[in-house]
């Protein structure tokens, strides 16, 4: 619907104007719909085709938007700061699962000869 599309546009910092075809009658479902489609405040973004100063008002609003700039998404393209101090160590984790036995190692060196046994 137009209301949902306008809400999505407003989430992306797009300003939405509506122009009513009749006079400044603000009551009724059409007036309510136009107010919900337009950006806030409605007295700034809901205009009327019968307004003799429509072109001046629209030009003024658009000029303000152009001169003040459109709001940009919040992004930070800054240099990295210094590395902070290390945090507190956490508690030890759970022991891992038993793995596969390793391969047989090489033979060790021969040891010293033992004492002679009893006769």
PDB file of N, CA and C in Angstrom:
ATOM      1  N   UNK A   1       0.841  -1.189   0.000  1.00  0.00           N
ATOM      2  CA  UNK A   1       0.000   0.000   0.000  1.00  0.00           C
ATOM      3  C   UNK A   1       0.880   1.243   0.000  1.00  0.00           C
ATOM      4  N   UNK A   2       0.279   2.371  -0.275  1.00  0.00           N
ATOM      5  CA  UNK A   2       1.027   3.631  -0.315  1.00  0.00           C
ATOM      6  C   UNK A   2       1.571   3.989   1.061  1.00  0.00           C
ATOM      7  N   UNK A   3       0.802   3.685   2.102  1.00  0.00           N
ATOM      8  CA  UNK A   3       1.243   4.003   3.464  1.00  0.00           C
ATOM      9  C   UNK A   3       2.481   3.181   3.813  1.00  0.00           C
ATOM     10  N   UNK A   4       2.462   1.887   3.476  1.00  0.00           N
ATOM     11  CA  UNK A   4       3.614   1.029   3.768  1.00  0.00           C
ATOM     12  C   UNK A   4       4.838   1.456   2.965  1.00  0.00           C
ATOM     13  N   UNK A   5       4.644   1.804   1.707  1.00  0.00           N
ATOM     14  CA  UNK A   5       5.759   2.253   0.869  1.00  0.00           C
ATOM     15  C   UNK A   5       6.353   3.547   1.417  1.00  0.00           C
ATOM     16  N   UNK A   6       5.500   4.461   1.878  1.00  0.00           N
ATOM     17  CA  UNK A   6       5.985   5.720   2.447  1.00  0.00           C
ATOM     18  C   UNK A   6       6.749   5.467   3.740  1.00  0.00           C
ATOM     19  N   UNK A   7       6.262   4.546   4.567  1.00  0.00           N
ATOM     20  CA  UNK A   7       6.964   4.212   5.814  1.00  0.00           C
ATOM     21  C   UNK A   7       8.351   3.663   5.506  1.00  0.00           C
ATOM     22  N   UNK A   8       8.441   2.793   4.516  1.00  0.00           N
ATOM     23  CA  UNK A   8       9.736   2.223   4.119  1.00  0.00           C
ATOM     24  C   UNK A   8      10.667   3.328   3.627  1.00  0.00           C
ATOM     25  N   UNK A   9      10.144   4.256   2.826  1.00  0.00           N
ATOM     26  CA  UNK A   9      10.954   5.368   2.319  1.00  0.00           C
ATOM     27  C   UNK A   9      11.455   6.237   3.465  1.00  0.00           C
ATOM     28  N   UNK A  10      10.588   6.512   4.435  1.00  0.00           N
ATOM     29  CA  UNK A  10      10.983   7.353   5.573  1.00  0.00           C
ATOM     30  C   UNK A  10      12.068   6.689   6.408  1.00  0.00           C
ATOM     31  N   UNK A  11      12.076   5.350   6.459  1.00  0.00           N
ATOM     32  CA  UNK A  11      13.126   4.638   7.186  1.00  0.00           C
ATOM     33  C   UNK A  11      14.490   4.846   6.536  1.00  0.00           C
ATOM     34  N   UNK A  12      14.489   5.198   5.244  1.00  0.00           N
ATOM     35  CA  UNK A  12      15.732   5.444   4.515  1.00  0.00           C
ATOM     36  C   UNK A  12      15.999   6.946   4.376  1.00  0.00           C
ATOM     37  N   UNK A  13      15.459   7.733   5.287  1.00  0.00           N
ATOM     38  CA  UNK A  13      15.663   9.193   5.337  1.00  0.00           C
ATOM     39  C   UNK A  13      15.176   9.915   4.086  1.00  0.00           C
ATOM     40  N   UNK A  14      14.139   9.388   3.440  1.00  0.00           N
ATOM     41  CA  UNK A  14      13.524  10.062   2.292  1.00  0.00           C
ATOM     42  C   UNK A  14      12.339  10.863   2.811  1.00  0.00           C
ATOM     43  N   UNK A  15      12.292  12.146   2.481  1.00  0.00           N
ATOM     44  CA  UNK A  15      11.178  12.989   2.921  1.00  0.00           C
ATOM     45  C   UNK A  15      10.050  12.876   1.912  1.00  0.00           C
ATOM     46  N   UNK A  16       8.843  12.664   2.417  1.00  0.00           N
ATOM     47  CA  UNK A  16       7.687  12.414   1.553  1.00  0.00           C
ATOM     48  C   UNK A  16       6.694  13.569   1.673  1.00  0.00           C
ATOM     49  N   UNK A  17       6.386  14.191   0.534  1.00  0.00           N
ATOM     50  CA  UNK A  17       5.375  15.243   0.467  1.00  0.00           C
ATOM     51  C   UNK A  17       4.100  14.641  -0.106  1.00  0.00           C
ATOM     52  N   UNK A  18       2.951  15.126   0.357  1.00  0.00           N
ATOM     53  CA  UNK A  18       1.678  14.778  -0.275  1.00  0.00           C
ATOM     54  C   UNK A  18       0.987  16.082  -0.648  1.00  0.00           C
ATOM     55  N   UNK A  19       0.264  16.060  -1.757  1.00  0.00           N
ATOM     56  CA  UNK A  19      -0.486  17.239  -2.202  1.00  0.00           C
ATOM     57  C   UNK A  19      -1.937  16.821  -2.372  1.00  0.00           C
ATOM     58  N   UNK A  20      -2.789  17.381  -1.534  1.00  0.00           N
ATOM     59  CA  UNK A  20      -4.224  17.066  -1.618  1.00  0.00           C
ATOM     60  C   UNK A  20      -4.839  17.870  -2.755  1.00  0.00           C
ATOM     61  N   UNK A  21      -5.784  17.257  -3.456  1.00  0.00           N
ATOM     62  CA  UNK A  21      -6.401  17.900  -4.615  1.00  0.00           C
ATOM     63  C   UNK A  21      -7.449  18.918  -4.220  1.00  0.00           C
ATOM     64  N   UNK A  22      -7.991  18.809  -3.018  1.00  0.00           N
ATOM     65  CA  UNK A  22      -9.036  19.736  -2.571  1.00  0.00           C
ATOM     66  C   UNK A  22      -8.448  20.701  -1.551  1.00  0.00           C
ATOM     67  N   UNK A  23      -9.326  21.480  -0.934  1.00  0.00           N
ATOM     68  CA  UNK A  23      -8.911  22.474   0.041  1.00  0.00           C
ATOM     69  C   UNK A  23      -8.293  21.870   1.292  1.00  0.00           C
ATOM     70  N   UNK A  24      -8.015  22.717   2.261  1.00  0.00           N
ATOM     71  CA  UNK A  24      -7.309  22.285   3.467  1.00  0.00           C
ATOM     72  C   UNK A  24      -8.180  21.543   4.479  1.00  0.00           C
ATOM     73  N   UNK A  25      -9.204  20.845   4.025  1.00  0.00           N
ATOM     74  CA  UNK A  25     -10.068  20.090   4.936  1.00  0.00           C
ATOM     75  C   UNK A  25      -9.256  18.928   5.501  1.00  0.00           C
ATOM     76  N   UNK A  26      -9.030  18.904   6.804  1.00  0.00           N
ATOM     77  CA  UNK A  26      -8.119  17.938   7.414  1.00  0.00           C
ATOM     78  C   UNK A  26      -8.811  16.701   7.955  1.00  0.00           C
ATOM     79  N   UNK A  27     -10.116  16.669   7.955  1.00  0.00           N
ATOM     80  CA  UNK A  27     -10.828  15.524   8.524  1.00  0.00           C
ATOM     81  C   UNK A  27     -11.106  14.492   7.445  1.00  0.00           C
ATOM     82  N   UNK A  28     -11.521  13.323   7.856  1.00  0.00           N
ATOM     83  CA  UNK A  28     -11.888  12.274   6.915  1.00  0.00           C
ATOM     84  C   UNK A  28     -10.751  11.305   6.665  1.00  0.00           C
ATOM     85  N   UNK A  29     -11.106  10.208   6.011  1.00  0.00           N
ATOM     86  CA  UNK A  29     -10.122   9.146   5.802  1.00  0.00           C
ATOM     87  C   UNK A  29      -9.019   9.562   4.837  1.00  0.00           C
ATOM     88  N   UNK A  30      -9.345  10.366   3.810  1.00  0.00           N
ATOM     89  CA  UNK A  30      -8.319  10.775   2.855  1.00  0.00           C
ATOM     90  C   UNK A  30      -7.292  11.692   3.517  1.00  0.00           C
ATOM     91  N   UNK A  31      -7.766  12.636   4.327  1.00  0.00           N
ATOM     92  CA  UNK A  31      -6.844  13.519   5.045  1.00  0.00           C
ATOM     93  C   UNK A  31      -5.961  12.732   5.994  1.00  0.00           C
ATOM     94  N   UNK A  32      -6.555  11.755   6.650  1.00  0.00           N
ATOM     95  CA  UNK A  32      -5.794  10.906   7.566  1.00  0.00           C
ATOM     96  C   UNK A  32      -4.737  10.106   6.810  1.00  0.00           C
ATOM     97  N   UNK A  33      -5.124   9.582   5.644  1.00  0.00           N
ATOM     98  CA  UNK A  33      -4.172   8.802   4.856  1.00  0.00           C
ATOM     99  C   UNK A  33      -3.028   9.673   4.358  1.00  0.00           C
ATOM    100  N   UNK A  34      -3.344  10.882   3.890  1.00  0.00           N
ATOM    101  CA  UNK A  34      -2.291  11.773   3.401  1.00  0.00           C
ATOM    102  C   UNK A  34      -1.320  12.144   4.513  1.00  0.00           C
ATOM    103  N   UNK A  35      -1.849  12.369   5.722  1.00  0.00           N
ATOM    104  CA  UNK A  35      -0.978  12.680   6.860  1.00  0.00           C
ATOM    105  C   UNK A  35      -0.092  11.496   7.218  1.00  0.00           C
ATOM    106  N   UNK A  36      -0.619  10.275   7.106  1.00  0.00           N
ATOM    107  CA  UNK A  36       0.196   9.109   7.447  1.00  0.00           C
ATOM    108  C   UNK A  36       1.238   8.807   6.370  1.00  0.00           C
ATOM    109  N   UNK A  37       0.966   9.206   5.132  1.00  0.00           N
ATOM    110  CA  UNK A  37       1.944   9.010   4.060  1.00  0.00           C
ATOM    111  C   UNK A  37       3.058  10.046   4.156  1.00  0.00           C
ATOM    112  N   UNK A  38       2.710  11.292   4.463  1.00  0.00           N
ATOM    113  CA  UNK A  38       3.678  12.384   4.467  1.00  0.00           C
ATOM    114  C   UNK A  38       4.633  12.274   5.647  1.00  0.00           C
ATOM    115  N   UNK A  39       5.791  12.912   5.472  1.00  0.00           N
ATOM    116  CA  UNK A  39       6.740  13.009   6.575  1.00  0.00           C
ATOM    117  C   UNK A  39       6.161  13.909   7.648  1.00  0.00           C
ATOM    118  N   UNK A  40       6.742  13.869   8.821  1.00  0.00           N
ATOM    119  CA  UNK A  40       6.278  14.702   9.928  1.00  0.00           C
ATOM    120  C   UNK A  40       7.108  15.979   9.969  1.00  0.00           C
ATOM    121  N   UNK A  41       6.541  17.086  10.360  1.00  0.00           N
ATOM    122  CA  UNK A  41       5.162  17.342  10.762  1.00  0.00           C
ATOM    123  C   UNK A  41       4.267  17.526   9.533  1.00  0.00           C
ATOM    124  N   UNK A  42       3.002  17.117   9.625  1.00  0.00           N
ATOM    125  CA  UNK A  42       2.113  17.172   8.457  1.00  0.00           C
ATOM    126  C   UNK A  42       1.884  18.583   7.920  1.00  0.00           C
ATOM    127  N   UNK A  43       1.883  19.607   8.775  1.00  0.00           N
ATOM    128  CA  UNK A  43       1.665  20.969   8.278  1.00  0.00           C
ATOM    129  C   UNK A  43       2.803  21.407   7.359  1.00  0.00           C
ATOM    130  N   UNK A  44       3.930  20.732   7.409  1.00  0.00           N
ATOM    131  CA  UNK A  44       5.068  21.055   6.553  1.00  0.00           C
ATOM    132  C   UNK A  44       5.086  20.195   5.289  1.00  0.00           C
ATOM    133  N   UNK A  45       4.583  18.975   5.371  1.00  0.00           N
ATOM    134  CA  UNK A  45       4.712  18.035   4.257  1.00  0.00           C
ATOM    135  C   UNK A  45       3.394  17.664   3.580  1.00  0.00           C
ATOM    136  N   UNK A  46       2.247  18.061   4.147  1.00  0.00           N
ATOM    137  CA  UNK A  46       0.956  17.846   3.480  1.00  0.00           C
ATOM    138  C   UNK A  46       0.525  19.189   2.900  1.00  0.00           C
ATOM    139  N   UNK A  47       0.522  19.283   1.578  1.00  0.00           N
ATOM    140  CA  UNK A  47       0.199  20.533   0.902  1.00  0.00           C
ATOM    141  C   UNK A  47      -1.131  20.379   0.169  1.00  0.00           C
ATOM    142  N   UNK A  48      -1.675  21.514  -0.310  1.00  0.00           N
ATOM    143  CA  UNK A  48      -2.965  21.494  -1.000  1.00  0.00           C
ATOM    144  C   UNK A  48      -2.823  22.127  -2.376  1.00  0.00           C
ATOM    145  N   UNK A  49      -3.442  21.494  -3.362  1.00  0.00           N
ATOM    146  CA  UNK A  49      -3.403  22.001  -4.730  1.00  0.00           C
ATOM    147  C   UNK A  49      -4.133  23.341  -4.848  1.00  0.00           C
ATOM    148  N   UNK A  50      -5.089  23.606  -3.963  1.00  0.00           N
ATOM    149  CA  UNK A  50      -5.836  24.868  -4.008  1.00  0.00           C
ATOM    150  C   UNK A  50      -5.106  26.004  -3.296  1.00  0.00           C
ATOM    151  N   UNK A  51      -3.981  25.716  -2.666  1.00  0.00           N
ATOM    152  CA  UNK A  51      -3.197  26.745  -1.975  1.00  0.00           C
ATOM    153  C   UNK A  51      -2.566  27.656  -3.032  1.00  0.00           C
ATOM    154  N   UNK A  52      -2.857  28.957  -2.955  1.00  0.00           N
ATOM    155  CA  UNK A  52      -2.325  29.897  -3.949  1.00  0.00           C
ATOM    156  C   UNK A  52      -0.803  30.030  -3.844  1.00  0.00           C
ATOM    157  N   UNK A  53      -0.243  29.651  -2.714  1.00  0.00           N
ATOM    158  CA  UNK A  53       1.207  29.742  -2.521  1.00  0.00           C
ATOM    159  C   UNK A  53       1.859  28.356  -2.545  1.00  0.00           C
ATOM    160  N   UNK A  54       1.205  27.405  -3.203  1.00  0.00           N
ATOM    161  CA  UNK A  54       1.721  26.033  -3.232  1.00  0.00           C
ATOM    162  C   UNK A  54       3.130  25.979  -3.800  1.00  0.00           C
ATOM    163  N   UNK A  55       3.337  26.618  -4.954  1.00  0.00           N
ATOM    164  CA  UNK A  55       4.661  26.537  -5.567  1.00  0.00           C
ATOM    165  C   UNK A  55       5.727  27.190  -4.697  1.00  0.00           C
ATOM    166  N   UNK A  56       5.379  28.295  -4.010  1.00  0.00           N
ATOM    167  CA  UNK A  56       6.334  28.956  -3.114  1.00  0.00           C
ATOM    168  C   UNK A  56       6.664  28.058  -1.922  1.00  0.00           C
ATOM    169  N   UNK A  57       5.624  27.463  -1.326  1.00  0.00           N
ATOM    170  CA  UNK A  57       5.842  26.590  -0.165  1.00  0.00           C
ATOM    171  C   UNK A  57       6.673  25.367  -0.545  1.00  0.00           C
ATOM    172  N   UNK A  58       6.334  24.753  -1.670  1.00  0.00           N
ATOM    173  CA  UNK A  58       7.062  23.569  -2.114  1.00  0.00           C
ATOM    174  C   UNK A  58       8.509  23.922  -2.448  1.00  0.00           C
ATOM    175  N   UNK A  59       8.705  25.039  -3.150  1.00  0.00           N
ATOM    176  CA  UNK A  59      10.057  25.480  -3.478  1.00  0.00           C
ATOM    177  C   UNK A  59      10.850  25.772  -2.208  1.00  0.00           C
ATOM    178  N   UNK A  60      10.207  26.412  -1.239  1.00  0.00           N
ATOM    179  CA  UNK A  60      10.869  26.736   0.023  1.00  0.00           C
ATOM    180  C   UNK A  60      11.299  25.470   0.767  1.00  0.00           C
ATOM    181  N   UNK A  61      10.397  24.496   0.842  1.00  0.00           N
ATOM    182  CA  UNK A  61      10.721  23.247   1.541  1.00  0.00           C
ATOM    183  C   UNK A  61      11.847  22.499   0.834  1.00  0.00           C
ATOM    184  N   UNK A  62      11.765  22.425  -0.496  1.00  0.00           N
ATOM    185  CA  UNK A  62      12.812  21.727  -1.245  1.00  0.00           C
ATOM    186  C   UNK A  62      14.147  22.461  -1.152  1.00  0.00           C
ATOM    187  N   UNK A  63      14.119  23.793  -1.161  1.00  0.00           N
ATOM    188  CA  UNK A  63      15.349  24.574  -1.017  1.00  0.00           C
ATOM    189  C   UNK A  63      15.992  24.323   0.337  1.00  0.00           C
ATOM    190  N   UNK A  64      15.161  24.255   1.368  1.00  0.00           N
ATOM    191  CA  UNK A  64      15.678  23.975   2.710  1.00  0.00           C
ATOM    192  C   UNK A  64      16.350  22.611   2.750  1.00  0.00           C
ATOM    193  N   UNK A  65      15.716  21.625   2.134  1.00  0.00           N
ATOM    194  CA  UNK A  65      16.296  20.281   2.113  1.00  0.00           C
ATOM    195  C   UNK A  65      17.633  20.289   1.376  1.00  0.00           C
ATOM    196  N   UNK A  66      17.687  21.004   0.242  1.00  0.00           N
ATOM    197  CA  UNK A  66      18.910  21.029  -0.552  1.00  0.00           C
ATOM    198  C   UNK A  66      20.025  21.758   0.181  1.00  0.00           C
ATOM    199  N   UNK A  67      19.713  22.894   0.807  1.00  0.00           N
ATOM    200  CA  UNK A  67      20.762  23.677   1.466  1.00  0.00           C
ATOM    201  C   UNK A  67      21.229  23.050   2.771  1.00  0.00           C
ATOM    202  N   UNK A  68      20.336  22.412   3.496  1.00  0.00           N
ATOM    203  CA  UNK A  68      20.760  21.789   4.757  1.00  0.00           C
ATOM    204  C   UNK A  68      21.339  20.411   4.521  1.00  0.00           C
ATOM    205  N   UNK A  69      21.108  19.859   3.368  1.00  0.00           N
ATOM    206  CA  UNK A  69      21.632  18.533   3.052  1.00  0.00           C
ATOM    207  C   UNK A  69      20.710  17.449   3.553  1.00  0.00           C
ATOM    208  N   UNK A  70      20.709  16.390   2.824  1.00  0.00           N
ATOM    209  CA  UNK A  70      19.899  15.246   3.227  1.00  0.00           C
ATOM    210  C   UNK A  70      20.636  14.493   4.318  1.00  0.00           C
ATOM    211  N   UNK A  71      19.908  13.985   5.296  1.00  0.00           N
ATOM    212  CA  UNK A  71      20.584  13.223   6.341  1.00  0.00           C
ATOM    213  C   UNK A  71      21.200  11.958   5.757  1.00  0.00           C
ATOM    214  N   UNK A  72      22.448  11.742   6.092  1.00  0.00           N
ATOM    215  CA  UNK A  72      23.166  10.573   5.588  1.00  0.00           C
ATOM    216  C   UNK A  72      23.097   9.444   6.610  1.00  0.00           C
ATOM    217  N   UNK A  73      23.196   8.215   6.141  1.00  0.00           N
ATOM    218  CA  UNK A  73      23.251   7.104   7.090  1.00  0.00           C
ATOM    219  C   UNK A  73      24.461   7.271   7.997  1.00  0.00           C
ATOM    220  N   UNK A  74      24.321   6.838   9.216  1.00  0.00           N
ATOM    221  CA  UNK A  74      25.402   7.003  10.182  1.00  0.00           C
ATOM    222  C   UNK A  74      26.485   5.960   9.921  1.00  0.00           C
ATOM    223  N   UNK A  75      27.594   6.440   9.362  1.00  0.00           N
ATOM    224  CA  UNK A  75      28.742   5.573   9.156  1.00  0.00           C
ATOM    225  C   UNK A  75      29.957   6.289   9.697  1.00  0.00           C
ATOM    226  N   UNK A  76      30.895   5.553  10.167  1.00  0.00           N
ATOM    227  CA  UNK A  76      32.105   6.149  10.719  1.00  0.00           C
ATOM    228  C   UNK A  76      33.285   5.701   9.880  1.00  0.00           C
ATOM    229  N   UNK A  77      33.880   6.636   9.180  1.00  0.00           N
ATOM    230  CA  UNK A  77      35.086   6.349   8.420  1.00  0.00           C
ATOM    231  C   UNK A  77      36.199   7.118   9.119  1.00  0.00           C
ATOM    232  N   UNK A  78      36.543   6.641  10.277  1.00  0.00           N
ATOM    233  CA  UNK A  78      37.522   7.318  11.116  1.00  0.00           C
ATOM    234  C   UNK A  78      38.784   6.469  11.215  1.00  0.00           C
ATOM    235  N   UNK A  79      39.870   7.116  11.640  1.00  0.00           N
ATOM    236  CA  UNK A  79      41.088   6.368  11.900  1.00  0.00           C
ATOM    237  C   UNK A  79      40.888   5.562  13.168  1.00  0.00           C
ATOM    238  N   UNK A  80      41.567   4.415  13.220  1.00  0.00           N
ATOM    239  CA  UNK A  80      41.468   3.595  14.418  1.00  0.00           C
ATOM    240  C   UNK A  80      42.215   4.284  15.546  1.00  0.00           C
ATOM    241  N   UNK A  81      41.689   4.146  16.723  1.00  0.00           N
ATOM    242  CA  UNK A  81      42.344   4.690  17.902  1.00  0.00           C
ATOM    243  C   UNK A  81      43.380   3.719  18.441  1.00  0.00           C
ATOM    244  N   UNK A  82      43.921   4.070  19.601  1.00  0.00           N
ATOM    245  CA  UNK A  82      44.911   3.200  20.230  1.00  0.00           C
ATOM    246  C   UNK A  82      44.228   1.959  20.780  1.00  0.00           C
ATOM    247  N   UNK A  83      45.002   0.876  20.830  1.00  0.00           N
ATOM    248  CA  UNK A  83      44.478  -0.369  21.378  1.00  0.00           C
ATOM    249  C   UNK A  83      44.275  -0.196  22.875  1.00  0.00           C
ATOM    250  N   UNK A  84      43.158  -0.645  23.358  1.00  0.00           N
ATOM    251  CA  UNK A  84      42.852  -0.530  24.783  1.00  0.00           C
ATOM    252  C   UNK A  84      43.543  -1.597  25.612  1.00  0.00           C
ATOM    253  N   UNK A  85      43.358  -1.497  26.917  1.00  0.00           N
ATOM    254  CA  UNK A  85      43.936  -2.482  27.829  1.00  0.00           C
ATOM    255  C   UNK A  85      43.208  -3.809  27.666  1.00  0.00           C
ATOM    256  N   UNK A  86      43.940  -4.926  27.894  1.00  0.00           N
ATOM    257  CA  UNK A  86      43.260  -6.220  27.785  1.00  0.00           C
ATOM    258  C   UNK A  86      42.192  -6.353  28.856  1.00  0.00           C
ATOM    259  N   UNK A  87      41.157  -7.038  28.531  1.00  0.00           N
ATOM    260  CA  UNK A  87      40.064  -7.235  29.475  1.00  0.00           C
ATOM    261  C   UNK A  87      40.365  -8.335  30.478  1.00  0.00           C
ATOM    262  N   UNK A  88      39.438  -8.558  31.371  1.00  0.00           N
ATOM    263  CA  UNK A  88      39.567  -9.592  32.391  1.00  0.00           C
ATOM    264  C   UNK A  88      39.421 -10.954  31.716  1.00  0.00           C
ATOM    265  N   UNK A  89      40.263 -11.909  32.151  1.00  0.00           N
ATOM    266  CA  UNK A  89      40.176 -13.251  31.580  1.00  0.00           C
ATOM    267  C   UNK A  89      38.860 -13.891  31.969  1.00  0.00           C
ATOM    268  N   UNK A  90      38.301 -14.616  31.059  1.00  0.00           N
ATOM    269  CA  UNK A  90      37.057 -15.324  31.328  1.00  0.00           C
ATOM    270  C   UNK A  90      37.312 -16.640  32.036  1.00  0.00           C
ATOM    271  N   UNK A  91      36.247 -17.310  32.442  1.00  0.00           N
ATOM    272  CA  UNK A  91      36.403 -18.606  33.106  1.00  0.00           C
ATOM    273  C   UNK A  91      36.786 -19.656  32.068  1.00  0.00           C
ATOM    274  N   UNK A  92      37.464 -20.722  32.508  1.00  0.00           N
ATOM    275  CA  UNK A  92      37.892 -21.756  31.561  1.00  0.00           C
ATOM    276  C   UNK A  92      36.699 -22.389  30.862  1.00  0.00           C
ATOM    277  N   UNK A  93      36.924 -22.812  29.647  1.00  0.00           N
ATOM    278  CA  UNK A  93      35.871 -23.453  28.878  1.00  0.00           C
ATOM    279  C   UNK A  93      35.737 -24.926  29.215  1.00  0.00           C
ATOM    280  N   UNK A  94      34.780 -25.560  28.586  1.00  0.00           N
ATOM    281  CA  UNK A  94      34.549 -26.994  28.774  1.00  0.00           C
ATOM    282  C   UNK A  94      35.685 -27.775  28.125  1.00  0.00           C
ATOM    283  N   UNK A  95      36.063 -28.934  28.718  1.00  0.00           N
ATOM    284  CA  UNK A  95      37.107 -29.745  28.078  1.00  0.00           C
ATOM    285  C   UNK A  95      36.624 -30.269  26.726  1.00  0.00           C
ATOM    286  N   UNK A  96      37.552 -30.419  25.820  1.00  0.00           N
ATOM    287  CA  UNK A  96      37.213 -30.905  24.492  1.00  0.00           C
ATOM    288  C   UNK A  96      36.965 -32.405  24.484  1.00  0.00           C
ATOM    289  N   UNK A  97      36.510 -32.904  23.358  1.00  0.00           N
ATOM    290  CA  UNK A  97      36.250 -34.345  23.237  1.00  0.00           C
ATOM    291  C   UNK A  97      37.569 -35.094  23.065  1.00  0.00           C
ATOM    292  N   UNK A  98      37.546 -36.400  23.393  1.00  0.00           N
ATOM    293  CA  UNK A  98      38.740 -37.230  23.274  1.00  0.00           C
ATOM    294  C   UNK A  98      39.053 -37.408  21.796  1.00  0.00           C
ATOM    295  N   UNK A  99      40.312 -37.173  21.447  1.00  0.00           N
ATOM    296  CA  UNK A  99      40.706 -37.263  20.054  1.00  0.00           C
ATOM    297  C   UNK A  99      41.179 -38.650  19.659  1.00  0.00           C
ATOM    298  N   UNK A 100      41.631 -38.775  18.443  1.00  0.00           N
ATOM    299  CA  UNK A 100      42.151 -40.029  17.888  1.00  0.00           C
ATOM    300  C   UNK A 100      43.548 -40.259  18.458  1.00  0.00           C
ATOM    301  N   UNK A 101      43.902 -41.528  18.841  1.00  0.00           N
ATOM    302  CA  UNK A 101      45.255 -41.790  19.361  1.00  0.00           C
ATOM    303  C   UNK A 101      46.312 -41.425  18.323  1.00  0.00           C
ATOM    304  N   UNK A 102      47.427 -40.942  18.802  1.00  0.00           N
ATOM    305  CA  UNK A 102      48.518 -40.553  17.916  1.00  0.00           C
ATOM    306  C   UNK A 102      49.271 -41.754  17.374  1.00  0.00           C
ATOM    307  N   UNK A 103      50.208 -41.516  16.471  1.00  0.00           N
ATOM    308  CA  UNK A 103      51.012 -42.603  15.893  1.00  0.00           C
ATOM    309  C   UNK A 103      52.083 -43.039  16.890  1.00  0.00           C
ATOM    310  N   UNK A 104      52.594 -44.299  16.732  1.00  0.00           N
ATOM    311  CA  UNK A 104      53.596 -44.856  17.637  1.00  0.00           C
ATOM    312  C   UNK A 104      54.882 -44.080  17.459  1.00  0.00           C
ATOM    313  N   UNK A 105      55.485 -43.739  18.569  1.00  0.00           N
ATOM    314  CA  UNK A 105      56.735 -42.999  18.543  1.00  0.00           C
ATOM    315  C   UNK A 105      57.926 -43.891  18.237  1.00  0.00           C
ATOM    316  N   UNK A 106      59.092 -43.297  18.053  1.00  0.00           N
ATOM    317  CA  UNK A 106      60.321 -44.069  17.775  1.00  0.00           C
ATOM    318  C   UNK A 106      60.866 -44.673  19.067  1.00  0.00           C
ATOM    319  N   UNK A 107      61.705 -45.687  18.925  1.00  0.00           N
ATOM    320  CA  UNK A 107      62.300 -46.349  20.099  1.00  0.00           C
ATOM    321  C   UNK A 107      63.244 -45.390  20.795  1.00  0.00           C
ATOM    322  N   UNK A 108      63.260 -45.475  22.111  1.00  0.00           N
ATOM    323  CA  UNK A 108      64.155 -44.630  22.886  1.00  0.00           C
ATOM    324  C   UNK A 108      65.550 -45.226  22.984  1.00  0.00           C
ATOM    325  N   UNK A 109      66.451 -44.529  23.659  1.00  0.00           N
ATOM    326  CA  UNK A 109      67.825 -45.014  23.832  1.00  0.00           C
ATOM    327  C   UNK A 109      67.822 -46.142  24.850  1.00  0.00           C
ATOM    328  N   UNK A 110      68.817 -47.043  24.719  1.00  0.00           N
ATOM    329  CA  UNK A 110      68.949 -48.132  25.687  1.00  0.00           C
ATOM    330  C   UNK A 110      69.387 -47.545  27.011  1.00  0.00           C
ATOM    331  N   UNK A 111      68.835 -48.096  28.081  1.00  0.00           N
ATOM    332  CA  UNK A 111      69.202 -47.640  29.418  1.00  0.00           C
ATOM    333  C   UNK A 111      70.482 -48.301  29.926  1.00  0.00           C
ATOM    334  N   UNK A 112      70.876 -47.946  31.152  1.00  0.00           N
ATOM    335  CA  UNK A 112      72.067 -48.523  31.776  1.00  0.00           C
ATOM    336  C   UNK A 112      71.782 -49.968  32.159  1.00  0.00           C
ATOM    337  N   UNK A 113      72.850 -50.779  32.214  1.00  0.00           N
ATOM    338  CA  UNK A 113      72.701 -52.159  32.653  1.00  0.00           C
ATOM    339  C   UNK A 113      72.320 -52.170  34.121  1.00  0.00           C
ATOM    340  N   UNK A 114      71.455 -53.089  34.480  1.00  0.00           N
ATOM    341  CA  UNK A 114      71.016 -53.208  35.866  1.00  0.00           C
ATOM    342  C   UNK A 114      72.024 -53.940  36.743  1.00  0.00           C
ATOM    343  N   UNK A 115      71.742 -54.030  38.045  1.00  0.00           N
ATOM    344  CA  UNK A 115      72.613 -54.746  38.982  1.00  0.00           C
ATOM    345  C   UNK A 115      72.491 -56.241  38.727  1.00  0.00           C
ATOM    346  N   UNK A 116      73.524 -56.948  39.047  1.00  0.00           N
ATOM    347  CA  UNK A 116      73.425 -58.393  38.882  1.00  0.00           C
ATOM    348  C   UNK A 116      72.382 -58.964  39.826  1.00  0.00           C
ATOM    349  N   UNK A 117      71.717 -59.994  39.407  1.00  0.00           N
ATOM    350  CA  UNK A 117      70.690 -60.619  40.211  1.00  0.00           C
ATOM    351  C   UNK A 117      71.265 -61.533  41.290  1.00  0.00           C
ATOM    352  N   UNK A 118      70.418 -62.084  42.171  1.00  0.00           N
ATOM    353  CA  UNK A 118      70.890 -62.968  43.241  1.00  0.00           C
ATOM    354  C   UNK A 118      71.411 -64.278  42.635  1.00  0.00           C
ATOM    355  N   UNK A 119      72.386 -64.895  43.262  1.00  0.00           N
ATOM    356  CA  UNK A 119      72.971 -66.122  42.756  1.00  0.00           C
ATOM    357  C   UNK A 119      72.310 -67.316  43.266  1.00  0.00           C
TER     358      UNK A 119
END
